[in-house]
Amino acid sequence: QVQLVESGGGLVQAGGSLRLSCTASGSIASPNIMGWYRQAPEKQRELVADMVSDGDSAYANSVKGRFFIYRDNAKSSVFLQMNSLKPDDTAVYYCNAGPGRSTGPYWGQGTQVTVSA
C-alpha cells in the first residue's frame, strides 16, 4: 500500500505564492517519478509538473517560469513552488507518484488552491 500525503494548499491573492509538499510512504520506498496534477471545476485533470529521480522534469506551458518542482529523494518527497499565481491556477492539486517515467498509479487526496483576483 502506498500513501501520498500532501500539504500546503490554501487561499492566496493573485500575484502571491504557495508551496505544495507531498511525501510518499508505504511499499514504494523511492518513487521514480513524482509530480503534480490539478483539476479545476468542470475540467479534466491535467499535468502541472513532474520530475523523475534523475532530475528530468516537465511543466505545463501555462506554468513555465512561474512554478518550480523539486524533490528530496532521500525523503521520497516532492515540492511545487508556485509563484505569480493567477485566478486560473485555482484548482485541486493532486500529488502523483510511480515507478516509471510517466503518470504513476498512486495519487494523493488532493489539496485546494484558490487564487483570488
PDB file of N, CA and C in Angstrom:
ATOM      1  N   GLN A   1       0.854  -1.193   0.000  1.00  0.00           N
ATOM      2  CA  GLN A   1       0.000   0.000   0.000  1.00  0.00           C
ATOM      3  C   GLN A   1       0.883   1.233   0.000  1.00  0.00           C
ATOM      4  N   VAL A   2       0.486   2.218  -0.782  1.00  0.00           N
ATOM      5  CA  VAL A   2       1.254   3.455  -0.902  1.00  0.00           C
ATOM      6  C   VAL A   2       0.379   4.621  -0.458  1.00  0.00           C
ATOM      7  N   GLN A   3       0.965   5.491   0.296  1.00  0.00           N
ATOM      8  CA  GLN A   3       0.261   6.712   0.699  1.00  0.00           C
ATOM      9  C   GLN A   3       1.034   7.926   0.239  1.00  0.00           C
ATOM     10  N   LEU A   4       0.305   8.895  -0.307  1.00  0.00           N
ATOM     11  CA  LEU A   4       0.879  10.188  -0.661  1.00  0.00           C
ATOM     12  C   LEU A   4       0.153  11.230   0.177  1.00  0.00           C
ATOM     13  N   VAL A   5       0.895  11.922   0.999  1.00  0.00           N
ATOM     14  CA  VAL A   5       0.304  12.910   1.889  1.00  0.00           C
ATOM     15  C   VAL A   5       0.740  14.298   1.436  1.00  0.00           C
ATOM     16  N   GLU A   6      -0.248  15.128   1.123  1.00  0.00           N
ATOM     17  CA  GLU A   6       0.000  16.471   0.595  1.00  0.00           C
ATOM     18  C   GLU A   6      -0.265  17.524   1.665  1.00  0.00           C
ATOM     19  N   SER A   7       0.363  18.649   1.484  1.00  0.00           N
ATOM     20  CA  SER A   7       0.084  19.800   2.337  1.00  0.00           C
ATOM     21  C   SER A   7       0.475  21.068   1.583  1.00  0.00           C
ATOM     22  N   GLY A   8      -0.032  22.209   2.077  1.00  0.00           N
ATOM     23  CA  GLY A   8       0.420  23.485   1.543  1.00  0.00           C
ATOM     24  C   GLY A   8      -0.580  24.263   0.733  1.00  0.00           C
ATOM     25  N   GLY A   9      -1.753  23.723   0.462  1.00  0.00           N
ATOM     26  CA  GLY A   9      -2.738  24.488  -0.288  1.00  0.00           C
ATOM     27  C   GLY A   9      -3.318  25.603   0.555  1.00  0.00           C
ATOM     28  N   GLY A  10      -4.171  26.402  -0.072  1.00  0.00           N
ATOM     29  CA  GLY A  10      -4.808  27.487   0.662  1.00  0.00           C
ATOM     30  C   GLY A  10      -5.342  28.554  -0.245  1.00  0.00           C
ATOM     31  N   LEU A  11      -5.662  29.694   0.357  1.00  0.00           N
ATOM     32  CA  LEU A  11      -6.201  30.845  -0.362  1.00  0.00           C
ATOM     33  C   LEU A  11      -5.121  31.913  -0.434  1.00  0.00           C
ATOM     34  N   VAL A  12      -4.927  32.444  -1.632  1.00  0.00           N
ATOM     35  CA  VAL A  12      -3.906  33.476  -1.822  1.00  0.00           C
ATOM     36  C   VAL A  12      -4.409  34.474  -2.856  1.00  0.00           C
ATOM     37  N   GLN A  13      -3.950  35.689  -2.753  1.00  0.00           N
ATOM     38  CA  GLN A  13      -4.315  36.707  -3.749  1.00  0.00           C
ATOM     39  C   GLN A  13      -3.487  36.534  -5.013  1.00  0.00           C
ATOM     40  N   ALA A  14      -4.020  36.992  -6.117  1.00  0.00           N
ATOM     41  CA  ALA A  14      -3.285  36.947  -7.378  1.00  0.00           C
ATOM     42  C   ALA A  14      -1.929  37.643  -7.218  1.00  0.00           C
ATOM     43  N   GLY A  15      -0.914  37.013  -7.774  1.00  0.00           N
ATOM     44  CA  GLY A  15       0.445  37.517  -7.641  1.00  0.00           C
ATOM     45  C   GLY A  15       1.207  36.917  -6.477  1.00  0.00           C
ATOM     46  N   GLY A  16       0.506  36.219  -5.611  1.00  0.00           N
ATOM     47  CA  GLY A  16       1.127  35.617  -4.441  1.00  0.00           C
ATOM     48  C   GLY A  16       1.778  34.284  -4.743  1.00  0.00           C
ATOM     49  N   SER A  17       2.281  33.654  -3.686  1.00  0.00           N
ATOM     50  CA  SER A  17       2.999  32.384  -3.811  1.00  0.00           C
ATOM     51  C   SER A  17       2.483  31.360  -2.809  1.00  0.00           C
ATOM     52  N   LEU A  18       2.609  30.108  -3.180  1.00  0.00           N
ATOM     53  CA  LEU A  18       2.328  28.990  -2.291  1.00  0.00           C
ATOM     54  C   LEU A  18       3.333  27.879  -2.594  1.00  0.00           C
ATOM     55  N   ARG A  19       3.580  27.035  -1.602  1.00  0.00           N
ATOM     56  CA  ARG A  19       4.405  25.868  -1.819  1.00  0.00           C
ATOM     57  C   ARG A  19       3.641  24.631  -1.395  1.00  0.00           C
ATOM     58  N   LEU A  20       3.544  23.673  -2.301  1.00  0.00           N
ATOM     59  CA  LEU A  20       2.903  22.399  -2.005  1.00  0.00           C
ATOM     60  C   LEU A  20       3.977  21.358  -1.693  1.00  0.00           C
ATOM     61  N   SER A  21       3.644  20.465  -0.775  1.00  0.00           N
ATOM     62  CA  SER A  21       4.553  19.391  -0.396  1.00  0.00           C
ATOM     63  C   SER A  21       3.819  18.064  -0.461  1.00  0.00           C
ATOM     64  N   CYS A  22       4.559  17.019  -0.793  1.00  0.00           N
ATOM     65  CA  CYS A  22       3.981  15.675  -0.847  1.00  0.00           C
ATOM     66  C   CYS A  22       5.060  14.678  -0.454  1.00  0.00           C
ATOM     67  N   THR A  23       4.703  13.753   0.426  1.00  0.00           N
ATOM     68  CA  THR A  23       5.635  12.715   0.847  1.00  0.00           C
ATOM     69  C   THR A  23       4.998  11.356   0.638  1.00  0.00           C
ATOM     70  N   ALA A  24       5.769  10.465   0.050  1.00  0.00           N
ATOM     71  CA  ALA A  24       5.315   9.098  -0.208  1.00  0.00           C
ATOM     72  C   ALA A  24       5.789   8.172   0.903  1.00  0.00           C
ATOM     73  N   SER A  25       4.921   7.234   1.248  1.00  0.00           N
ATOM     74  CA  SER A  25       5.289   6.216   2.241  1.00  0.00           C
ATOM     75  C   SER A  25       4.601   4.914   1.863  1.00  0.00           C
ATOM     76  N   GLY A  26       5.079   3.835   2.452  1.00  0.00           N
ATOM     77  CA  GLY A  26       4.475   2.537   2.179  1.00  0.00           C
ATOM     78  C   GLY A  26       5.374   1.678   1.324  1.00  0.00           C
ATOM     79  N   SER A  27       4.772   0.911   0.443  1.00  0.00           N
ATOM     80  CA  SER A  27       5.525  -0.087  -0.300  1.00  0.00           C
ATOM     81  C   SER A  27       6.403   0.499  -1.401  1.00  0.00           C
ATOM     82  N   ILE A  28       6.165   1.744  -1.768  1.00  0.00           N
ATOM     83  CA  ILE A  28       7.003   2.381  -2.785  1.00  0.00           C
ATOM     84  C   ILE A  28       8.041   3.225  -2.049  1.00  0.00           C
ATOM     85  N   ALA A  29       9.194   2.647  -1.823  1.00  0.00           N
ATOM     86  CA  ALA A  29      10.205   3.287  -0.987  1.00  0.00           C
ATOM     87  C   ALA A  29      10.743   4.566  -1.605  1.00  0.00           C
ATOM     88  N   SER A  30      10.963   4.568  -2.891  1.00  0.00           N
ATOM     89  CA  SER A  30      11.510   5.746  -3.550  1.00  0.00           C
ATOM     90  C   SER A  30      10.930   5.811  -4.960  1.00  0.00           C
ATOM     91  N   PRO A  31       9.854   6.541  -5.144  1.00  0.00           N
ATOM     92  CA  PRO A  31       9.229   6.582  -6.470  1.00  0.00           C
ATOM     93  C   PRO A  31      10.170   7.124  -7.534  1.00  0.00           C
ATOM     94  N   ASN A  32      10.138   6.572  -8.729  1.00  0.00           N
ATOM     95  CA  ASN A  32      10.965   7.103  -9.798  1.00  0.00           C
ATOM     96  C   ASN A  32      10.414   8.431 -10.296  1.00  0.00           C
ATOM     97  N   ILE A  33       9.103   8.512 -10.445  1.00  0.00           N
ATOM     98  CA  ILE A  33       8.507   9.769 -10.884  1.00  0.00           C
ATOM     99  C   ILE A  33       7.575  10.275  -9.792  1.00  0.00           C
ATOM    100  N   MET A  34       7.635  11.567  -9.566  1.00  0.00           N
ATOM    101  CA  MET A  34       6.706  12.250  -8.674  1.00  0.00           C
ATOM    102  C   MET A  34       6.312  13.553  -9.347  1.00  0.00           C
ATOM    103  N   GLY A  35       5.049  13.920  -9.164  1.00  0.00           N
ATOM    104  CA  GLY A  35       4.612  15.134  -9.825  1.00  0.00           C
ATOM    105  C   GLY A  35       3.304  15.659  -9.268  1.00  0.00           C
ATOM    106  N   TRP A  36       2.822  16.700  -9.915  1.00  0.00           N
ATOM    107  CA  TRP A  36       1.602  17.384  -9.512  1.00  0.00           C
ATOM    108  C   TRP A  36       0.666  17.523 -10.702  1.00  0.00           C
ATOM    109  N   TYR A  37      -0.578  17.225 -10.461  1.00  0.00           N
ATOM    110  CA  TYR A  37      -1.655  17.436 -11.412  1.00  0.00           C
ATOM    111  C   TYR A  37      -2.677  18.351 -10.744  1.00  0.00           C
ATOM    112  N   ARG A  38      -3.532  18.934 -11.552  1.00  0.00           N
ATOM    113  CA  ARG A  38      -4.598  19.757 -10.995  1.00  0.00           C
ATOM    114  C   ARG A  38      -5.887  19.558 -11.764  1.00  0.00           C
ATOM    115  N   GLN A  39      -6.977  19.798 -11.061  1.00  0.00           N
ATOM    116  CA  GLN A  39      -8.291  19.685 -11.685  1.00  0.00           C
ATOM    117  C   GLN A  39      -9.164  20.828 -11.203  1.00  0.00           C
ATOM    118  N   ALA A  40      -9.551  21.666 -12.144  1.00  0.00           N
ATOM    119  CA  ALA A  40     -10.469  22.765 -11.863  1.00  0.00           C
ATOM    120  C   ALA A  40     -11.896  22.277 -12.074  1.00  0.00           C
ATOM    121  N   PRO A  41     -12.868  22.971 -11.510  1.00  0.00           N
ATOM    122  CA  PRO A  41     -14.269  22.549 -11.679  1.00  0.00           C
ATOM    123  C   PRO A  41     -14.643  22.414 -13.147  1.00  0.00           C
ATOM    124  N   GLU A  42     -15.268  21.305 -13.481  1.00  0.00           N
ATOM    125  CA  GLU A  42     -15.765  21.031 -14.833  1.00  0.00           C
ATOM    126  C   GLU A  42     -14.649  20.927 -15.868  1.00  0.00           C
ATOM    127  N   LYS A  43     -13.441  20.688 -15.415  1.00  0.00           N
ATOM    128  CA  LYS A  43     -12.319  20.495 -16.344  1.00  0.00           C
ATOM    129  C   LYS A  43     -11.638  19.166 -16.054  1.00  0.00           C
ATOM    130  N   GLN A  44     -10.890  18.681 -17.038  1.00  0.00           N
ATOM    131  CA  GLN A  44     -10.167  17.430 -16.848  1.00  0.00           C
ATOM    132  C   GLN A  44      -8.920  17.669 -16.010  1.00  0.00           C
ATOM    133  N   ARG A  45      -8.494  16.620 -15.346  1.00  0.00           N
ATOM    134  CA  ARG A  45      -7.249  16.695 -14.597  1.00  0.00           C
ATOM    135  C   ARG A  45      -6.097  16.853 -15.590  1.00  0.00           C
ATOM    136  N   GLU A  46      -5.149  17.739 -15.259  1.00  0.00           N
ATOM    137  CA  GLU A  46      -4.041  18.000 -16.165  1.00  0.00           C
ATOM    138  C   GLU A  46      -2.722  17.995 -15.419  1.00  0.00           C
ATOM    139  N   LEU A  47      -1.670  17.654 -16.133  1.00  0.00           N
ATOM    140  CA  LEU A  47      -0.333  17.696 -15.565  1.00  0.00           C
ATOM    141  C   LEU A  47       0.080  19.141 -15.319  1.00  0.00           C
ATOM    142  N   VAL A  48       0.627  19.396 -14.149  1.00  0.00           N
ATOM    143  CA  VAL A  48       1.226  20.697 -13.846  1.00  0.00           C
ATOM    144  C   VAL A  48       2.738  20.596 -14.018  1.00  0.00           C
ATOM    145  N   ALA A  49       3.338  19.649 -13.326  1.00  0.00           N
ATOM    146  CA  ALA A  49       4.784  19.431 -13.438  1.00  0.00           C
ATOM    147  C   ALA A  49       5.122  18.074 -12.843  1.00  0.00           C
ATOM    148  N   ASP A  50       6.142  17.428 -13.401  1.00  0.00           N
ATOM    149  CA  ASP A  50       6.636  16.211 -12.779  1.00  0.00           C
ATOM    150  C   ASP A  50       8.142  16.134 -12.914  1.00  0.00           C
ATOM    151  N   MET A  51       8.717  15.247 -12.124  1.00  0.00           N
ATOM    152  CA  MET A  51      10.175  15.119 -12.112  1.00  0.00           C
ATOM    153  C   MET A  51      10.546  13.662 -11.845  1.00  0.00           C
ATOM    154  N   VAL A  52      11.454  13.163 -12.682  1.00  0.00           N
ATOM    155  CA  VAL A  52      11.996  11.831 -12.497  1.00  0.00           C
ATOM    156  C   VAL A  52      13.148  11.909 -11.496  1.00  0.00           C
ATOM    157  N   SER A  53      13.487  10.800 -10.900  1.00  0.00           N
ATOM    158  CA  SER A  53      14.503  10.805  -9.849  1.00  0.00           C
ATOM    159  C   SER A  53      15.873  11.269 -10.344  1.00  0.00           C
ATOM    160  N   ASP A  54      16.108  11.180 -11.665  1.00  0.00           N
ATOM    161  CA  ASP A  54      17.378  11.654 -12.211  1.00  0.00           C
ATOM    162  C   ASP A  54      17.385  13.159 -12.476  1.00  0.00           C
ATOM    163  N   GLY A  55      16.276  13.817 -12.172  1.00  0.00           N
ATOM    164  CA  GLY A  55      16.193  15.265 -12.305  1.00  0.00           C
ATOM    165  C   GLY A  55      15.478  15.759 -13.546  1.00  0.00           C
ATOM    166  N   ASP A  56      15.177  14.868 -14.470  1.00  0.00           N
ATOM    167  CA  ASP A  56      14.450  15.255 -15.671  1.00  0.00           C
ATOM    168  C   ASP A  56      13.050  15.728 -15.275  1.00  0.00           C
ATOM    169  N   SER A  57      12.634  16.890 -15.780  1.00  0.00           N
ATOM    170  CA  SER A  57      11.345  17.444 -15.375  1.00  0.00           C
ATOM    171  C   SER A  57      10.552  17.916 -16.584  1.00  0.00           C
ATOM    172  N   ALA A  58       9.241  18.088 -16.366  1.00  0.00           N
ATOM    173  CA  ALA A  58       8.351  18.595 -17.397  1.00  0.00           C
ATOM    174  C   ALA A  58       7.329  19.510 -16.744  1.00  0.00           C
ATOM    175  N   TYR A  59       6.953  20.560 -17.484  1.00  0.00           N
ATOM    176  CA  TYR A  59       5.992  21.525 -16.989  1.00  0.00           C
ATOM    177  C   TYR A  59       4.900  21.765 -18.024  1.00  0.00           C
ATOM    178  N   ALA A  60       3.702  22.063 -17.542  1.00  0.00           N
ATOM    179  CA  ALA A  60       2.665  22.560 -18.426  1.00  0.00           C
ATOM    180  C   ALA A  60       3.080  23.939 -18.923  1.00  0.00           C
ATOM    181  N   ASN A  61       2.742  24.246 -20.175  1.00  0.00           N
ATOM    182  CA  ASN A  61       3.120  25.552 -20.736  1.00  0.00           C
ATOM    183  C   ASN A  61       2.568  26.698 -19.898  1.00  0.00           C
ATOM    184  N   SER A  62       1.395  26.492 -19.320  1.00  0.00           N
ATOM    185  CA  SER A  62       0.733  27.571 -18.593  1.00  0.00           C
ATOM    186  C   SER A  62       1.446  27.952 -17.290  1.00  0.00           C
ATOM    187  N   VAL A  63       2.356  27.101 -16.809  1.00  0.00           N
ATOM    188  CA  VAL A  63       3.021  27.399 -15.543  1.00  0.00           C
ATOM    189  C   VAL A  63       4.530  27.610 -15.688  1.00  0.00           C
ATOM    190  N   LYS A  64       5.052  27.430 -16.894  1.00  0.00           N
ATOM    191  CA  LYS A  64       6.501  27.579 -17.094  1.00  0.00           C
ATOM    192  C   LYS A  64       6.958  28.973 -16.689  1.00  0.00           C
ATOM    193  N   GLY A  65       8.050  29.022 -15.940  1.00  0.00           N
ATOM    194  CA  GLY A  65       8.583  30.290 -15.484  1.00  0.00           C
ATOM    195  C   GLY A  65       7.934  30.811 -14.210  1.00  0.00           C
ATOM    196  N   ARG A  66       6.847  30.197 -13.779  1.00  0.00           N
ATOM    197  CA  ARG A  66       6.172  30.613 -12.542  1.00  0.00           C
ATOM    198  C   ARG A  66       6.216  29.533 -11.468  1.00  0.00           C
ATOM    199  N   PHE A  67       6.104  28.276 -11.896  1.00  0.00           N
ATOM    200  CA  PHE A  67       6.093  27.158 -10.958  1.00  0.00           C
ATOM    201  C   PHE A  67       7.421  26.391 -11.085  1.00  0.00           C
ATOM    202  N   PHE A  68       7.874  25.852  -9.951  1.00  0.00           N
ATOM    203  CA  PHE A  68       9.123  25.104  -9.956  1.00  0.00           C
ATOM    204  C   PHE A  68       8.953  23.849  -9.104  1.00  0.00           C
ATOM    205  N   ILE A  69       9.316  22.714  -9.687  1.00  0.00           N
ATOM    206  CA  ILE A  69       9.204  21.443  -8.989  1.00  0.00           C
ATOM    207  C   ILE A  69      10.586  20.998  -8.532  1.00  0.00           C
ATOM    208  N   TYR A  70      10.656  20.445  -7.335  1.00  0.00           N
ATOM    209  CA  TYR A  70      11.921  19.886  -6.873  1.00  0.00           C
ATOM    210  C   TYR A  70      11.630  18.749  -5.916  1.00  0.00           C
ATOM    211  N   ARG A  71      12.629  17.912  -5.723  1.00  0.00           N
ATOM    212  CA  ARG A  71      12.453  16.702  -4.941  1.00  0.00           C
ATOM    213  C   ARG A  71      13.534  16.553  -3.884  1.00  0.00           C
ATOM    214  N   ASP A  72      13.158  15.828  -2.862  1.00  0.00           N
ATOM    215  CA  ASP A  72      14.116  15.322  -1.878  1.00  0.00           C
ATOM    216  C   ASP A  72      13.987  13.804  -1.951  1.00  0.00           C
ATOM    217  N   ASN A  73      14.831  13.179  -2.764  1.00  0.00           N
ATOM    218  CA  ASN A  73      14.690  11.750  -2.998  1.00  0.00           C
ATOM    219  C   ASN A  73      14.906  10.935  -1.723  1.00  0.00           C
ATOM    220  N   ALA A  74      15.772  11.409  -0.865  1.00  0.00           N
ATOM    221  CA  ALA A  74      16.035  10.686   0.379  1.00  0.00           C
ATOM    222  C   ALA A  74      14.796  10.598   1.258  1.00  0.00           C
ATOM    223  N   LYS A  75      13.909  11.572   1.114  1.00  0.00           N
ATOM    224  CA  LYS A  75      12.684  11.600   1.926  1.00  0.00           C
ATOM    225  C   LYS A  75      11.445  11.264   1.108  1.00  0.00           C
ATOM    226  N   SER A  76      11.657  10.799  -0.138  1.00  0.00           N
ATOM    227  CA  SER A  76      10.524  10.465  -1.031  1.00  0.00           C
ATOM    228  C   SER A  76       9.513  11.607  -1.071  1.00  0.00           C
ATOM    229  N   SER A  77      10.020  12.815  -1.207  1.00  0.00           N
ATOM    230  CA  SER A  77       9.161  13.996  -1.189  1.00  0.00           C
ATOM    231  C   SER A  77       9.315  14.796  -2.470  1.00  0.00           C
ATOM    232  N   VAL A  78       8.236  15.467  -2.816  1.00  0.00           N
ATOM    233  CA  VAL A  78       8.237  16.369  -3.962  1.00  0.00           C
ATOM    234  C   VAL A  78       7.554  17.662  -3.537  1.00  0.00           C
ATOM    235  N   PHE A  79       8.048  18.759  -4.096  1.00  0.00           N
ATOM    236  CA  PHE A  79       7.550  20.085  -3.737  1.00  0.00           C
ATOM    237  C   PHE A  79       7.216  20.851  -5.009  1.00  0.00           C
ATOM    238  N   LEU A  80       6.244  21.733  -4.893  1.00  0.00           N
ATOM    239  CA  LEU A  80       5.891  22.607  -6.015  1.00  0.00           C
ATOM    240  C   LEU A  80       5.847  24.026  -5.492  1.00  0.00           C
ATOM    241  N   GLN A  81       6.811  24.808  -5.906  1.00  0.00           N
ATOM    242  CA  GLN A  81       6.827  26.234  -5.571  1.00  0.00           C
ATOM    243  C   GLN A  81       6.044  26.974  -6.636  1.00  0.00           C
ATOM    244  N   MET A  82       4.986  27.625  -6.230  1.00  0.00           N
ATOM    245  CA  MET A  82       4.100  28.320  -7.165  1.00  0.00           C
ATOM    246  C   MET A  82       4.192  29.821  -6.913  1.00  0.00           C
ATOM    247  N   ASN A  83       4.675  30.544  -7.904  1.00  0.00           N
ATOM    248  CA  ASN A  83       4.833  31.995  -7.811  1.00  0.00           C
ATOM    249  C   ASN A  83       3.933  32.685  -8.828  1.00  0.00           C
ATOM    250  N   SER A  84       3.723  33.961  -8.621  1.00  0.00           N
ATOM    251  CA  SER A  84       2.912  34.769  -9.549  1.00  0.00           C
ATOM    252  C   SER A  84       1.593  34.068  -9.862  1.00  0.00           C
ATOM    253  N   LEU A  85       0.926  33.631  -8.831  1.00  0.00           N
ATOM    254  CA  LEU A  85      -0.308  32.868  -9.017  1.00  0.00           C
ATOM    255  C   LEU A  85      -1.395  33.717  -9.654  1.00  0.00           C
ATOM    256  N   LYS A  86      -2.201  33.039 -10.463  1.00  0.00           N
ATOM    257  CA  LYS A  86      -3.302  33.686 -11.181  1.00  0.00           C
ATOM    258  C   LYS A  86      -4.616  33.009 -10.789  1.00  0.00           C
ATOM    259  N   PRO A  87      -5.730  33.704 -10.960  1.00  0.00           N
ATOM    260  CA  PRO A  87      -7.022  33.047 -10.673  1.00  0.00           C
ATOM    261  C   PRO A  87      -7.215  31.748 -11.460  1.00  0.00           C
ATOM    262  N   ASP A  88      -6.658  31.679 -12.676  1.00  0.00           N
ATOM    263  CA  ASP A  88      -6.772  30.451 -13.479  1.00  0.00           C
ATOM    264  C   ASP A  88      -6.027  29.273 -12.871  1.00  0.00           C
ATOM    265  N   ASP A  89      -5.175  29.508 -11.887  1.00  0.00           N
ATOM    266  CA  ASP A  89      -4.478  28.418 -11.216  1.00  0.00           C
ATOM    267  C   ASP A  89      -5.353  27.758 -10.139  1.00  0.00           C
ATOM    268  N   THR A  90      -6.514  28.334  -9.886  1.00  0.00           N
ATOM    269  CA  THR A  90      -7.417  27.768  -8.893  1.00  0.00           C
ATOM    270  C   THR A  90      -7.846  26.363  -9.297  1.00  0.00           C
ATOM    271  N   ALA A  91      -7.610  25.408  -8.398  1.00  0.00           N
ATOM    272  CA  ALA A  91      -7.910  24.004  -8.688  1.00  0.00           C
ATOM    273  C   ALA A  91      -7.593  23.166  -7.455  1.00  0.00           C
ATOM    274  N   VAL A  92      -7.989  21.910  -7.520  1.00  0.00           N
ATOM    275  CA  VAL A  92      -7.489  20.932  -6.558  1.00  0.00           C
ATOM    276  C   VAL A  92      -6.212  20.342  -7.142  1.00  0.00           C
ATOM    277  N   TYR A  93      -5.153  20.382  -6.375  1.00  0.00           N
ATOM    278  CA  TYR A  93      -3.857  19.887  -6.821  1.00  0.00           C
ATOM    279  C   TYR A  93      -3.614  18.512  -6.201  1.00  0.00           C
ATOM    280  N   TYR A  94      -3.217  17.556  -7.062  1.00  0.00           N
ATOM    281  CA  TYR A  94      -3.007  16.186  -6.643  1.00  0.00           C
ATOM    282  C   TYR A  94      -1.546  15.792  -6.833  1.00  0.00           C
ATOM    283  N   CYS A  95      -1.004  15.153  -5.840  1.00  0.00           N
ATOM    284  CA  CYS A  95       0.318  14.561  -5.949  1.00  0.00           C
ATOM    285  C   CYS A  95       0.196  13.210  -6.638  1.00  0.00           C
ATOM    286  N   ASN A  96       1.183  12.895  -7.468  1.00  0.00           N
ATOM    287  CA  ASN A  96       1.192  11.631  -8.193  1.00  0.00           C
ATOM    288  C   ASN A  96       2.575  10.998  -8.089  1.00  0.00           C
ATOM    289  N   ALA A  97       2.627   9.695  -8.047  1.00  0.00           N
ATOM    290  CA  ALA A  97       3.915   9.015  -7.964  1.00  0.00           C
ATOM    291  C   ALA A  97       3.821   7.639  -8.594  1.00  0.00           C
ATOM    292  N   GLY A  98       4.979   7.141  -9.043  1.00  0.00           N
ATOM    293  CA  GLY A  98       5.014   5.819  -9.622  1.00  0.00           C
ATOM    294  C   GLY A  98       6.417   5.346  -9.912  1.00  0.00           C
ATOM    295  N   PRO A  99       6.524   4.107 -10.353  1.00  0.00           N
ATOM    296  CA  PRO A  99       7.844   3.511 -10.579  1.00  0.00           C
ATOM    297  C   PRO A  99       8.442   3.811 -11.949  1.00  0.00           C
ATOM    298  N   GLY A 100       7.659   4.304 -12.880  1.00  0.00           N
ATOM    299  CA  GLY A 100       8.132   4.518 -14.228  1.00  0.00           C
ATOM    300  C   GLY A 100       8.543   5.952 -14.499  1.00  0.00           C
ATOM    301  N   ARG A 101       8.404   6.357 -15.768  1.00  0.00           N
ATOM    302  CA  ARG A 101       8.754   7.725 -16.171  1.00  0.00           C
ATOM    303  C   ARG A 101       7.539   8.494 -16.680  1.00  0.00           C
ATOM    304  N   SER A 102       6.363   7.927 -16.523  1.00  0.00           N
ATOM    305  CA  SER A 102       5.133   8.614 -16.898  1.00  0.00           C
ATOM    306  C   SER A 102       4.193   8.564 -15.694  1.00  0.00           C
ATOM    307  N   THR A 103       2.957   9.026 -15.909  1.00  0.00           N
ATOM    308  CA  THR A 103       1.998   9.136 -14.807  1.00  0.00           C
ATOM    309  C   THR A 103       1.955   7.847 -13.993  1.00  0.00           C
ATOM    310  N   GLY A 104       2.141   8.003 -12.682  1.00  0.00           N
ATOM    311  CA  GLY A 104       2.156   6.848 -11.818  1.00  0.00           C
ATOM    312  C   GLY A 104       0.763   6.417 -11.396  1.00  0.00           C
ATOM    313  N   PRO A 105       0.654   5.276 -10.771  1.00  0.00           N
ATOM    314  CA  PRO A 105      -0.660   4.764 -10.355  1.00  0.00           C
ATOM    315  C   PRO A 105      -1.124   5.270  -8.984  1.00  0.00           C
ATOM    316  N   TYR A 106      -0.273   6.037  -8.314  1.00  0.00           N
ATOM    317  CA  TYR A 106      -0.598   6.448  -6.955  1.00  0.00           C
ATOM    318  C   TYR A 106      -0.938   7.934  -6.912  1.00  0.00           C
ATOM    319  N   TRP A 107      -1.995   8.239  -6.155  1.00  0.00           N
ATOM    320  CA  TRP A 107      -2.495   9.610  -6.066  1.00  0.00           C
ATOM    321  C   TRP A 107      -2.694  10.020  -4.614  1.00  0.00           C
ATOM    322  N   GLY A 108      -2.447  11.287  -4.353  1.00  0.00           N
ATOM    323  CA  GLY A 108      -2.781  11.857  -3.058  1.00  0.00           C
ATOM    324  C   GLY A 108      -4.256  12.217  -3.000  1.00  0.00           C
ATOM    325  N   GLN A 109      -4.664  12.732  -1.862  1.00  0.00           N
ATOM    326  CA  GLN A 109      -6.079  13.037  -1.658  1.00  0.00           C
ATOM    327  C   GLN A 109      -6.466  14.382  -2.270  1.00  0.00           C
ATOM    328  N   GLY A 110      -5.494  15.185  -2.606  1.00  0.00           N
ATOM    329  CA  GLY A 110      -5.758  16.491  -3.210  1.00  0.00           C
ATOM    330  C   GLY A 110      -5.738  17.602  -2.181  1.00  0.00           C
ATOM    331  N   THR A 111      -5.255  18.751  -2.612  1.00  0.00           N
ATOM    332  CA  THR A 111      -5.247  19.937  -1.757  1.00  0.00           C
ATOM    333  C   THR A 111      -5.747  21.130  -2.578  1.00  0.00           C
ATOM    334  N   GLN A 112      -6.640  21.899  -1.984  1.00  0.00           N
ATOM    335  CA  GLN A 112      -7.278  23.009  -2.706  1.00  0.00           C
ATOM    336  C   GLN A 112      -6.351  24.218  -2.740  1.00  0.00           C
ATOM    337  N   VAL A 113      -6.214  24.779  -3.931  1.00  0.00           N
ATOM    338  CA  VAL A 113      -5.523  26.051  -4.120  1.00  0.00           C
ATOM    339  C   VAL A 113      -6.525  27.022  -4.730  1.00  0.00           C
ATOM    340  N   THR A 114      -6.748  28.122  -4.058  1.00  0.00           N
ATOM    341  CA  THR A 114      -7.676  29.137  -4.538  1.00  0.00           C
ATOM    342  C   THR A 114      -6.946  30.462  -4.644  1.00  0.00           C
ATOM    343  N   VAL A 115      -7.008  31.052  -5.838  1.00  0.00           N
ATOM    344  CA  VAL A 115      -6.342  32.328  -6.092  1.00  0.00           C
ATOM    345  C   VAL A 115      -7.419  33.372  -6.369  1.00  0.00           C
ATOM    346  N   SER A 116      -7.480  34.376  -5.528  1.00  0.00           N
ATOM    347  CA  SER A 116      -8.479  35.426  -5.691  1.00  0.00           C
ATOM    348  C   SER A 116      -7.932  36.561  -6.547  1.00  0.00           C
ATOM    349  N   ALA A 117      -8.841  37.190  -7.288  1.00  0.00           N
ATOM    350  CA  ALA A 117      -8.424  38.284  -8.184  1.00  0.00           C
ATOM    351  C   ALA A 117      -8.089  39.549  -7.400  1.00  0.00           C
TER     352      ALA A 117
END
